[in-house]
Amino acid sequence: MSMQYARRITSIVFVVCGPLFLCACESKSRDFVGQSAVRVLAAPDRVEAFRVAGTRGAPATSEPADRAGNLAGFPITATGRNQSKDFGTRLGAVLLDDRSYEWQMAKGCIFDPGVAFRVWRGQESVIVLICFKCDEVGIAPDDEVKNLHIKDADPGIPALRRLAQEAFPDDVEIQQLK
C-alpha cells in the first residue's frame, strides 16, 4: 500500500467519521445529566415508575430513592408498572437527545414533579423526575440525588408524557395530560 493511498484513506475516514465523534463529545444533554447518568440511560436494563407528590420547593435530599416512602425527597404516592429494557431505551433516548431541552431558557416556576422513573443498569440507577406543570425534568444518579439537575424540557415533554401514560395506564390524571 502506498503512502499516498494510506493518507487518502485516513482523510476519508476522518471526514466521514469525524463529525460523529465530535457530536458525541459536544452533547449538551450528556453534559447536563452527567457521565454516570449517561452510562445508565444509554443502556438501561429496566425501569421502575412512581407517582410522587411534588412538595413545591422542597429540596432534594441526600437520601437514596424510596427511603421511608420518598424518592429524592418527594413522597411516593403510587407505583406504576415495572417497565422493560425497551421502555428504558426509549426514555434514555429522549433524555439524552439535545433537542429535548431548551438550552437558552430558564423558567421561574418551582419544580413540582408528579412522575418519577428509576432507570437501572445492573446495580447503578438514575432518578428521573418530571414536572408536567412546568415541563421540566430533574435527573440525578440514585446515590447523588442531592445533585439533582433540573432543566426546561418543553421539546421533549410530548415524548415523556407518552411514556408516563404508558407506565400509568389507569391513572386518570396522567392519561388526561395534553
C-alpha atoms as a PDB file:
ATOM      1  CA  MET A   1       0.000   0.000   0.000  1.00  0.00           C
ATOM      2  CA  SER A   2       1.455   3.341  -0.986  1.00  0.00           C
ATOM      3  CA  MET A   3       1.812   6.181   1.493  1.00  0.00           C
ATOM      4  CA  GLN A   4      -0.402   8.390  -0.650  1.00  0.00           C
ATOM      5  CA  TYR A   5      -3.170   5.782  -0.633  1.00  0.00           C
ATOM      6  CA  ALA A   6      -2.922   5.437   3.174  1.00  0.00           C
ATOM      7  CA  ARG A   7      -3.208   9.234   3.602  1.00  0.00           C
ATOM      8  CA  ARG A   8      -6.210   9.332   1.301  1.00  0.00           C
ATOM      9  CA  ILE A   9      -7.990   6.561   3.270  1.00  0.00           C
ATOM     10  CA  THR A  10      -7.174   8.322   6.553  1.00  0.00           C
ATOM     11  CA  SER A  11      -8.587  11.582   5.196  1.00  0.00           C
ATOM     12  CA  ILE A  12     -11.775   9.890   4.042  1.00  0.00           C
ATOM     13  CA  VAL A  13     -12.249   8.177   7.408  1.00  0.00           C
ATOM     14  CA  PHE A  14     -11.694  11.479   9.228  1.00  0.00           C
ATOM     15  CA  VAL A  15     -14.171  13.339   7.016  1.00  0.00           C
ATOM     16  CA  VAL A  16     -16.823  10.632   7.322  1.00  0.00           C
ATOM     17  CA  CYS A  17     -16.361   9.662  10.996  1.00  0.00           C
ATOM     18  CA  GLY A  18     -15.001  12.885  12.484  1.00  0.00           C
ATOM     19  CA  PRO A  19     -18.399  14.586  12.853  1.00  0.00           C
ATOM     20  CA  LEU A  20     -19.763  11.525  14.665  1.00  0.00           C
ATOM     21  CA  PHE A  21     -17.028  11.713  17.288  1.00  0.00           C
ATOM     22  CA  LEU A  22     -17.357  15.479  17.528  1.00  0.00           C
ATOM     23  CA  CYS A  23     -21.108  15.246  18.108  1.00  0.00           C
ATOM     24  CA  ALA A  24     -20.671  12.630  20.822  1.00  0.00           C
ATOM     25  CA  CYS A  25     -18.147  14.842  22.618  1.00  0.00           C
ATOM     26  CA  GLU A  26     -20.194  18.025  22.407  1.00  0.00           C
ATOM     27  CA  SER A  27     -23.552  16.765  23.647  1.00  0.00           C
ATOM     28  CA  LYS A  28     -25.217  19.310  25.924  1.00  0.00           C
ATOM     29  CA  SER A  29     -27.663  16.709  27.230  1.00  0.00           C
ATOM     30  CA  ARG A  30     -24.853  14.334  28.191  1.00  0.00           C
ATOM     31  CA  ASP A  31     -23.038  17.139  29.980  1.00  0.00           C
ATOM     32  CA  PHE A  32     -26.310  18.101  31.694  1.00  0.00           C
ATOM     33  CA  VAL A  33     -27.104  14.635  33.092  1.00  0.00           C
ATOM     34  CA  GLY A  34     -23.515  13.698  33.942  1.00  0.00           C
ATOM     35  CA  GLN A  35     -21.329  10.764  32.962  1.00  0.00           C
ATOM     36  CA  SER A  36     -22.700   8.215  35.456  1.00  0.00           C
ATOM     37  CA  ALA A  37     -26.281   9.001  34.396  1.00  0.00           C
ATOM     38  CA  VAL A  38     -25.293   8.730  30.721  1.00  0.00           C
ATOM     39  CA  ARG A  39     -23.884   5.256  31.383  1.00  0.00           C
ATOM     40  CA  VAL A  40     -27.246   4.114  32.823  1.00  0.00           C
ATOM     41  CA  LEU A  41     -29.550   5.963  30.398  1.00  0.00           C
ATOM     42  CA  ALA A  42     -27.626   4.794  27.323  1.00  0.00           C
ATOM     43  CA  ALA A  43     -28.093   1.084  28.108  1.00  0.00           C
ATOM     44  CA  PRO A  44     -30.796   0.526  30.733  1.00  0.00           C
ATOM     45  CA  ASP A  45     -31.912  -2.897  31.984  1.00  0.00           C
ATOM     46  CA  ARG A  46     -35.262  -1.929  33.460  1.00  0.00           C
ATOM     47  CA  VAL A  47     -37.299   0.985  34.804  1.00  0.00           C
ATOM     48  CA  GLU A  48     -39.420   1.479  37.901  1.00  0.00           C
ATOM     49  CA  ALA A  49     -42.263   4.011  37.688  1.00  0.00           C
ATOM     50  CA  PHE A  50     -43.612   6.141  40.528  1.00  0.00           C
ATOM     51  CA  ARG A  51     -46.119   8.915  41.108  1.00  0.00           C
ATOM     52  CA  VAL A  52     -44.683  11.458  43.502  1.00  0.00           C
ATOM     53  CA  ALA A  53     -46.196  14.383  45.337  1.00  0.00           C
ATOM     54  CA  GLY A  54     -44.312  17.476  44.373  1.00  0.00           C
ATOM     55  CA  THR A  55     -43.878  19.488  47.507  1.00  0.00           C
ATOM     56  CA  ARG A  56     -43.400  22.880  45.869  1.00  0.00           C
ATOM     57  CA  GLY A  57     -39.853  23.825  46.533  1.00  0.00           C
ATOM     58  CA  ALA A  58     -38.742  21.056  48.881  1.00  0.00           C
ATOM     59  CA  PRO A  59     -35.061  20.467  48.183  1.00  0.00           C
ATOM     60  CA  ALA A  60     -33.830  17.078  47.112  1.00  0.00           C
ATOM     61  CA  THR A  61     -32.407  15.115  49.999  1.00  0.00           C
ATOM     62  CA  SER A  62     -29.235  13.107  50.094  1.00  0.00           C
ATOM     63  CA  GLU A  63     -31.335  10.032  50.846  1.00  0.00           C
ATOM     64  CA  PRO A  64     -31.239   7.300  48.235  1.00  0.00           C
ATOM     65  CA  ALA A  65     -34.531   6.669  46.495  1.00  0.00           C
ATOM     66  CA  ASP A  66     -37.593   5.377  48.343  1.00  0.00           C
ATOM     67  CA  ARG A  67     -36.208   5.598  51.855  1.00  0.00           C
ATOM     68  CA  ALA A  68     -39.271   5.984  54.066  1.00  0.00           C
ATOM     69  CA  GLY A  69     -41.534   6.225  51.008  1.00  0.00           C
ATOM     70  CA  ASN A  70     -39.661   9.089  49.344  1.00  0.00           C
ATOM     71  CA  LEU A  71     -37.880   9.444  46.047  1.00  0.00           C
ATOM     72  CA  ALA A  72     -35.246  12.181  46.121  1.00  0.00           C
ATOM     73  CA  GLY A  73     -37.207  13.845  48.906  1.00  0.00           C
ATOM     74  CA  PHE A  74     -40.578  13.690  47.148  1.00  0.00           C
ATOM     75  CA  PRO A  75     -43.241  11.427  48.729  1.00  0.00           C
ATOM     76  CA  ILE A  76     -44.196   8.396  46.622  1.00  0.00           C
ATOM     77  CA  THR A  77     -47.975   8.322  46.170  1.00  0.00           C
ATOM     78  CA  ALA A  78     -48.276   5.373  43.781  1.00  0.00           C
ATOM     79  CA  THR A  79     -46.180   2.784  42.000  1.00  0.00           C
ATOM     80  CA  GLY A  80     -46.636   2.121  38.308  1.00  0.00           C
ATOM     81  CA  ARG A  81     -45.889  -0.996  36.353  1.00  0.00           C
ATOM     82  CA  ASN A  82     -42.246  -2.005  36.121  1.00  0.00           C
ATOM     83  CA  GLN A  83     -41.048  -1.277  32.627  1.00  0.00           C
ATOM     84  CA  SER A  84     -38.866  -3.211  30.218  1.00  0.00           C
ATOM     85  CA  LYS A  85     -35.473  -2.569  28.700  1.00  0.00           C
ATOM     86  CA  ASP A  86     -37.281  -1.257  25.599  1.00  0.00           C
ATOM     87  CA  PHE A  87     -39.113   1.357  27.662  1.00  0.00           C
ATOM     88  CA  GLY A  88     -35.824   2.353  29.307  1.00  0.00           C
ATOM     89  CA  THR A  89     -34.150   2.656  25.918  1.00  0.00           C
ATOM     90  CA  ARG A  90     -36.918   4.955  24.672  1.00  0.00           C
ATOM     91  CA  LEU A  91     -36.776   7.040  27.875  1.00  0.00           C
ATOM     92  CA  GLY A  92     -32.987   7.266  27.657  1.00  0.00           C
ATOM     93  CA  ALA A  93     -33.174   8.311  24.006  1.00  0.00           C
ATOM     94  CA  VAL A  94     -35.406  11.264  24.909  1.00  0.00           C
ATOM     95  CA  LEU A  95     -33.307  12.301  27.902  1.00  0.00           C
ATOM     96  CA  LEU A  96     -30.005  12.084  26.002  1.00  0.00           C
ATOM     97  CA  ASP A  97     -31.273  13.983  22.958  1.00  0.00           C
ATOM     98  CA  ASP A  98     -30.110  17.613  22.905  1.00  0.00           C
ATOM     99  CA  ARG A  99     -33.333  18.530  21.089  1.00  0.00           C
ATOM    100  CA  SER A 100     -35.394  17.543  24.164  1.00  0.00           C
ATOM    101  CA  TYR A 101     -34.312  20.646  26.071  1.00  0.00           C
ATOM    102  CA  GLU A 102     -34.478  24.437  25.868  1.00  0.00           C
ATOM    103  CA  TRP A 103     -30.839  25.394  26.423  1.00  0.00           C
ATOM    104  CA  GLN A 104     -31.228  29.167  26.251  1.00  0.00           C
ATOM    105  CA  MET A 105     -34.182  29.391  28.611  1.00  0.00           C
ATOM    106  CA  ALA A 106     -34.885  29.234  32.319  1.00  0.00           C
ATOM    107  CA  LYS A 107     -38.337  29.221  33.877  1.00  0.00           C
ATOM    108  CA  GLY A 108     -39.429  30.999  37.000  1.00  0.00           C
ATOM    109  CA  CYS A 109     -41.683  28.224  38.258  1.00  0.00           C
ATOM    110  CA  ILE A 110     -40.928  25.935  41.174  1.00  0.00           C
ATOM    111  CA  PHE A 111     -40.041  22.365  40.203  1.00  0.00           C
ATOM    112  CA  ASP A 112     -43.020  20.256  41.315  1.00  0.00           C
ATOM    113  CA  PRO A 113     -42.696  16.732  39.849  1.00  0.00           C
ATOM    114  CA  GLY A 114     -45.596  14.315  39.645  1.00  0.00           C
ATOM    115  CA  VAL A 115     -43.922  11.395  37.850  1.00  0.00           C
ATOM    116  CA  ALA A 116     -40.627   9.697  38.594  1.00  0.00           C
ATOM    117  CA  PHE A 117     -38.694   6.899  36.990  1.00  0.00           C
ATOM    118  CA  ARG A 118     -35.788   4.973  38.426  1.00  0.00           C
ATOM    119  CA  VAL A 119     -33.764   3.682  35.499  1.00  0.00           C
ATOM    120  CA  TRP A 120     -31.464   0.730  36.187  1.00  0.00           C
ATOM    121  CA  ARG A 121     -28.345  -0.659  34.573  1.00  0.00           C
ATOM    122  CA  GLY A 122     -27.061  -3.523  36.654  1.00  0.00           C
ATOM    123  CA  GLN A 123     -26.614  -2.165  40.179  1.00  0.00           C
ATOM    124  CA  GLU A 124     -26.493   1.503  39.079  1.00  0.00           C
ATOM    125  CA  SER A 125     -29.625   3.618  38.871  1.00  0.00           C
ATOM    126  CA  VAL A 126     -30.684   7.105  37.872  1.00  0.00           C
ATOM    127  CA  ILE A 127     -33.661   9.043  39.182  1.00  0.00           C
ATOM    128  CA  VAL A 128     -35.716  10.965  36.605  1.00  0.00           C
ATOM    129  CA  LEU A 129     -38.320  13.389  37.956  1.00  0.00           C
ATOM    130  CA  ILE A 130     -40.801  15.035  35.571  1.00  0.00           C
ATOM    131  CA  CYS A 131     -42.838  18.156  36.284  1.00  0.00           C
ATOM    132  CA  PHE A 132     -45.668  18.347  33.767  1.00  0.00           C
ATOM    133  CA  LYS A 133     -46.792  21.681  35.275  1.00  0.00           C
ATOM    134  CA  CYS A 134     -43.592  23.478  34.237  1.00  0.00           C
ATOM    135  CA  ASP A 135     -42.405  20.976  31.612  1.00  0.00           C
ATOM    136  CA  GLU A 136     -39.116  20.432  33.413  1.00  0.00           C
ATOM    137  CA  VAL A 137     -37.023  17.341  34.076  1.00  0.00           C
ATOM    138  CA  GLY A 138     -34.765  16.590  37.029  1.00  0.00           C
ATOM    139  CA  ILE A 139     -32.096  13.900  36.667  1.00  0.00           C
ATOM    140  CA  ALA A 140     -29.538  12.516  39.106  1.00  0.00           C
ATOM    141  CA  PRO A 141     -27.774   9.242  39.817  1.00  0.00           C
ATOM    142  CA  ASP A 142     -29.573   7.486  42.668  1.00  0.00           C
ATOM    143  CA  ASP A 143     -26.608   7.926  45.004  1.00  0.00           C
ATOM    144  CA  GLU A 144     -26.274  11.643  44.167  1.00  0.00           C
ATOM    145  CA  VAL A 145     -29.871  12.890  44.374  1.00  0.00           C
ATOM    146  CA  LYS A 146     -28.694  15.943  46.288  1.00  0.00           C
ATOM    147  CA  ASN A 147     -27.166  16.998  42.932  1.00  0.00           C
ATOM    148  CA  LEU A 148     -30.450  16.878  41.021  1.00  0.00           C
ATOM    149  CA  HIS A 149     -30.006  18.581  37.635  1.00  0.00           C
ATOM    150  CA  ILE A 150     -33.201  20.355  36.536  1.00  0.00           C
ATOM    151  CA  LYS A 151     -33.764  21.640  33.004  1.00  0.00           C
ATOM    152  CA  ASP A 152     -36.568  23.011  30.859  1.00  0.00           C
ATOM    153  CA  ALA A 153     -37.696  20.169  28.613  1.00  0.00           C
ATOM    154  CA  ASP A 154     -40.557  21.656  26.576  1.00  0.00           C
ATOM    155  CA  PRO A 155     -39.484  19.985  23.302  1.00  0.00           C
ATOM    156  CA  GLY A 156     -39.158  16.567  24.974  1.00  0.00           C
ATOM    157  CA  ILE A 157     -42.347  16.722  27.040  1.00  0.00           C
ATOM    158  CA  PRO A 158     -44.653  15.137  24.404  1.00  0.00           C
ATOM    159  CA  ALA A 159     -42.466  12.009  24.320  1.00  0.00           C
ATOM    160  CA  LEU A 160     -42.093  11.989  28.118  1.00  0.00           C
ATOM    161  CA  ARG A 161     -45.870  12.398  28.503  1.00  0.00           C
ATOM    162  CA  ARG A 162     -46.486   9.372  26.242  1.00  0.00           C
ATOM    163  CA  LEU A 163     -44.031   7.313  28.312  1.00  0.00           C
ATOM    164  CA  ALA A 164     -45.709   8.388  31.559  1.00  0.00           C
ATOM    165  CA  GLN A 165     -49.104   7.468  30.107  1.00  0.00           C
ATOM    166  CA  GLU A 166     -47.730   4.083  29.108  1.00  0.00           C
ATOM    167  CA  ALA A 167     -46.346   3.498  32.624  1.00  0.00           C
ATOM    168  CA  PHE A 168     -49.588   4.612  34.331  1.00  0.00           C
ATOM    169  CA  PRO A 169     -52.423   3.371  32.101  1.00  0.00           C
ATOM    170  CA  ASP A 170     -55.007   3.524  34.920  1.00  0.00           C
ATOM    171  CA  ASP A 171     -54.033   6.940  36.293  1.00  0.00           C
ATOM    172  CA  VAL A 172     -56.735   9.384  35.186  1.00  0.00           C
ATOM    173  CA  GLU A 173     -54.625  12.486  35.838  1.00  0.00           C
ATOM    174  CA  ILE A 174     -51.702  11.176  33.768  1.00  0.00           C
ATOM    175  CA  GLN A 175     -53.979   9.951  30.976  1.00  0.00           C
ATOM    176  CA  GLN A 176     -55.568  13.414  30.718  1.00  0.00           C
ATOM    177  CA  LEU A 177     -52.242  15.195  30.220  1.00  0.00           C
ATOM    178  CA  LYS A 178     -52.155  17.068  26.922  1.00  0.00           C
END
